C-alpha atoms as a PDB file:
ATOM      1  CA  MET A   1       0.000   0.000   0.000  1.00  0.00           C
ATOM      2  CA  LEU A   2       1.261   3.426  -0.891  1.00  0.00           C
ATOM      3  CA  THR A   3       1.662   6.123   1.702  1.00  0.00           C
ATOM      4  CA  THR A   4       0.267   9.577   1.022  1.00  0.00           C
ATOM      5  CA  GLU A   5       3.825  10.867   0.603  1.00  0.00           C
ATOM      6  CA  GLU A   6       4.536   8.239  -2.066  1.00  0.00           C
ATOM      7  CA  VAL A   7       1.293   9.016  -3.920  1.00  0.00           C
ATOM      8  CA  ARG A   8       2.191  12.712  -3.884  1.00  0.00           C
ATOM      9  CA  PHE A   9       5.723  11.947  -5.071  1.00  0.00           C
ATOM     10  CA  ILE A  10       4.497   9.719  -7.932  1.00  0.00           C
ATOM     11  CA  ARG A  11       1.997  12.343  -9.054  1.00  0.00           C
ATOM     12  CA  ASN A  12       4.517  15.180  -8.988  1.00  0.00           C
ATOM     13  CA  TRP A  13       7.364  13.201 -10.522  1.00  0.00           C
ATOM     14  CA  ASP A  14       5.127  11.935 -13.334  1.00  0.00           C
ATOM     15  CA  ILE A  15       4.415  15.554 -14.222  1.00  0.00           C
ATOM     16  CA  GLN A  16       8.153  16.403 -14.158  1.00  0.00           C
ATOM     17  CA  ARG A  17       9.097  13.337 -16.217  1.00  0.00           C
ATOM     18  CA  LYS A  18       6.595  14.101 -18.981  1.00  0.00           C
ATOM     19  CA  GLY A  19       8.562  17.221 -19.873  1.00  0.00           C
ATOM     20  CA  GLY A  20      11.750  15.223 -20.207  1.00  0.00           C
ATOM     21  CA  LYS A  21      15.274  15.851 -19.067  1.00  0.00           C
ATOM     22  CA  GLY A  22      15.735  18.807 -21.387  1.00  0.00           C
ATOM     23  CA  SER A  23      13.021  20.971 -19.897  1.00  0.00           C
ATOM     24  CA  TYR A  24      13.851  19.796 -16.348  1.00  0.00           C
ATOM     25  CA  PHE A  25      17.508  20.717 -16.713  1.00  0.00           C
ATOM     26  CA  GLY A  26      16.724  23.906 -18.617  1.00  0.00           C
ATOM     27  CA  LEU A  27      14.455  25.217 -15.897  1.00  0.00           C
ATOM     28  CA  TYR A  28      16.557  24.276 -12.894  1.00  0.00           C
ATOM     29  CA  LEU A  29      19.908  25.161 -14.467  1.00  0.00           C
ATOM     30  CA  SER A  30      18.790  28.633 -15.448  1.00  0.00           C
ATOM     31  CA  VAL A  31      17.112  29.398 -12.138  1.00  0.00           C
ATOM     32  CA  GLY A  32      19.888  27.788 -10.085  1.00  0.00           C
ATOM     33  CA  THR A  33      22.614  29.666 -11.911  1.00  0.00           C
ATOM     34  CA  ILE A  34      20.868  32.997 -11.477  1.00  0.00           C
ATOM     35  CA  VAL A  35      20.045  32.449  -7.805  1.00  0.00           C
ATOM     36  CA  GLY A  36      23.537  31.111  -7.058  1.00  0.00           C
ATOM     37  CA  SER A  37      25.229  34.044  -8.765  1.00  0.00           C
ATOM     38  CA  ILE A  38      23.049  36.594  -6.996  1.00  0.00           C
ATOM     39  CA  GLY A  39      23.727  34.864  -3.688  1.00  0.00           C
ATOM     40  CA  VAL A  40      27.497  34.984  -4.165  1.00  0.00           C
ATOM     41  CA  PHE A  41      27.440  38.620  -5.251  1.00  0.00           C
ATOM     42  CA  PHE A  42      25.282  39.452  -2.229  1.00  0.00           C
ATOM     43  CA  LEU A  43      27.701  37.697   0.132  1.00  0.00           C
ATOM     44  CA  MET A  44      30.622  39.490  -1.491  1.00  0.00           C
ATOM     45  CA  SER A  45      28.929  42.844  -0.949  1.00  0.00           C
ATOM     46  CA  MET A  46      28.142  41.965   2.683  1.00  0.00           C
ATOM     47  CA  ILE A  47      31.813  41.391   3.449  1.00  0.00           C
ATOM     48  CA  LYS A  48      32.650  44.622   1.599  1.00  0.00           C
ATOM     49  CA  PHE A  49      34.651  42.855  -1.082  1.00  0.00           C
ATOM     50  CA  GLY A  50      33.829  45.644  -3.483  1.00  0.00           C
ATOM     51  CA  LEU A  51      33.218  45.298  -7.193  1.00  0.00           C
ATOM     52  CA  PRO A  52      35.184  42.282  -8.377  1.00  0.00           C
ATOM     53  CA  PRO A  53      37.290  42.365 -11.536  1.00  0.00           C
ATOM     54  CA  LEU A  54      35.870  41.068 -14.814  1.00  0.00           C
ATOM     55  CA  PRO A  55      37.358  37.521 -14.616  1.00  0.00           C
ATOM     56  CA  ILE A  56      35.604  36.995 -11.281  1.00  0.00           C
ATOM     57  CA  LEU A  57      32.336  38.289 -12.757  1.00  0.00           C
ATOM     58  CA  VAL A  58      32.583  35.520 -15.369  1.00  0.00           C
ATOM     59  CA  THR A  59      33.906  32.851 -13.004  1.00  0.00           C
ATOM     60  CA  ILE A  60      31.134  33.143 -10.404  1.00  0.00           C
ATOM     61  CA  PRO A  61      28.272  32.318 -12.827  1.00  0.00           C
ATOM     62  CA  ALA A  62      30.382  29.532 -14.351  1.00  0.00           C
ATOM     63  CA  ILE A  63      30.968  27.949 -10.948  1.00  0.00           C
ATOM     64  CA  SER A  64      27.306  28.447 -10.053  1.00  0.00           C
ATOM     65  CA  PHE A  65      26.271  26.770 -13.325  1.00  0.00           C
ATOM     66  CA  THR A  66      28.602  23.825 -12.695  1.00  0.00           C
ATOM     67  CA  LEU A  67      27.367  23.260  -9.149  1.00  0.00           C
ATOM     68  CA  THR A  68      23.749  23.549 -10.283  1.00  0.00           C
ATOM     69  CA  LEU A  69      24.387  21.052 -13.092  1.00  0.00           C
ATOM     70  CA  ILE A  70      25.853  18.544 -10.633  1.00  0.00           C
ATOM     71  CA  TYR A  71      22.859  18.984  -8.338  1.00  0.00           C
ATOM     72  CA  CYS A  72      20.374  18.634 -11.232  1.00  0.00           C
ATOM     73  CA  ILE A  73      21.961  15.383 -12.376  1.00  0.00           C
ATOM     74  CA  TYR A  74      21.960  14.039  -8.819  1.00  0.00           C
ATOM     75  CA  SER A  75      18.366  15.153  -8.246  1.00  0.00           C
ATOM     76  CA  TRP A  76      17.067  13.631 -11.509  1.00  0.00           C
ATOM     77  CA  ASN A  77      18.810  10.306 -10.888  1.00  0.00           C
ATOM     78  CA  SER A  78      17.719  10.173  -7.259  1.00  0.00           C
ATOM     79  CA  ASN A  79      14.071  10.909  -8.082  1.00  0.00           C
ATOM     80  CA  GLU A  80      14.080   8.444 -10.969  1.00  0.00           C
ATOM     81  CA  LYS A  81      15.547   5.728  -8.748  1.00  0.00           C
ATOM     82  CA  ARG A  82      12.948   6.416  -6.042  1.00  0.00           C
ATOM     83  CA  TRP A  83      10.113   6.400  -8.607  1.00  0.00           C
ATOM     84  CA  LYS A  84      11.233   3.061 -10.066  1.00  0.00           C
ATOM     85  CA  LYS A  85      11.550   1.550  -6.579  1.00  0.00           C
ATOM     86  CA  ILE A  86       8.001   2.598  -5.649  1.00  0.00           C
ATOM     87  CA  ILE A  87       6.550   1.404  -8.978  1.00  0.00           C
ATOM     88  CA  LYS A  88       8.365  -1.933  -8.650  1.00  0.00           C
ATOM     89  CA  ARG A  89       6.940  -2.388  -5.160  1.00  0.00           C
ATOM     90  CA  VAL A  90       3.429  -1.554  -6.355  1.00  0.00           C
ATOM     91  CA  VAL A  91       3.706  -4.044  -9.204  1.00  0.00           C
ATOM     92  CA  GLU A  92       5.039  -6.726  -6.852  1.00  0.00           C
ATOM     93  CA  GLU A  93       2.085  -6.126  -4.545  1.00  0.00           C
ATOM     94  CA  GLY A  94      -0.107  -7.095  -7.464  1.00  0.00           C
ATOM     95  CA  LYS A  95      -1.717  -3.811  -8.347  1.00  0.00           C
ATOM     96  CA  LYS A  96      -0.671  -2.352 -11.659  1.00  0.00           C
ATOM     97  CA  VAL A  97      -0.060   1.353 -11.815  1.00  0.00           C
ATOM     98  CA  SER A  98      -2.607   1.561 -14.622  1.00  0.00           C
ATOM     99  CA  ASP A  99      -5.200   0.068 -12.255  1.00  0.00           C
ATOM    100  CA  PHE A 100      -5.217   3.253 -10.205  1.00  0.00           C
ATOM    101  CA  THR A 101      -8.252   5.329 -10.931  1.00  0.00           C
ATOM    102  CA  GLU A 102      -7.755   8.892 -12.080  1.00  0.00           C
ATOM    103  CA  GLU A 103      -8.901  10.012  -8.651  1.00  0.00           C
ATOM    104  CA  GLU A 104      -6.289   7.883  -6.862  1.00  0.00           C
ATOM    105  CA  ARG A 105      -3.466   9.044  -9.137  1.00  0.00           C
ATOM    106  CA  PHE A 106      -4.169  12.744  -9.037  1.00  0.00           C
ATOM    107  CA  LYS A 107      -5.998  13.315  -5.784  1.00  0.00           C
ATOM    108  CA  GLU A 108      -4.805  16.105  -3.578  1.00  0.00           C
ATOM    109  CA  VAL A 109      -3.098  14.532  -0.614  1.00  0.00           C
END
C-alpha cells in the first residue's frame, strides 16, 4: 500500500518526467545559476569585497552553473531511482499502476 507521501511523489514526478530531461535541466539550471550568482554577489557585498574584476564576474556564474548542473543530475537520478523503486513495489504487490483510478493518481493529498 502506498503512503500519502509516495502518492504525492508519484503524481509530482510523473508531471516532471513528462517534460523530459531537457526541460527539467533547462528550468533548474537557469534558475539555479541565477540564484547562485546573486547569492554569491550578495555575500561578497556583505563582506565589503567591493566590485570584483571582470574575470571573477565571469567565473562566479560559471561555478554556479557547474554546481547547479551537478545537483540537477543528482536530483534527476535520485528521483528516478525512487520512482522506479516505488513502482516496482506496487507491481510486486499485485496492483498495476494503470489500475489506479484517475482520482487515486491525481488526488490532492
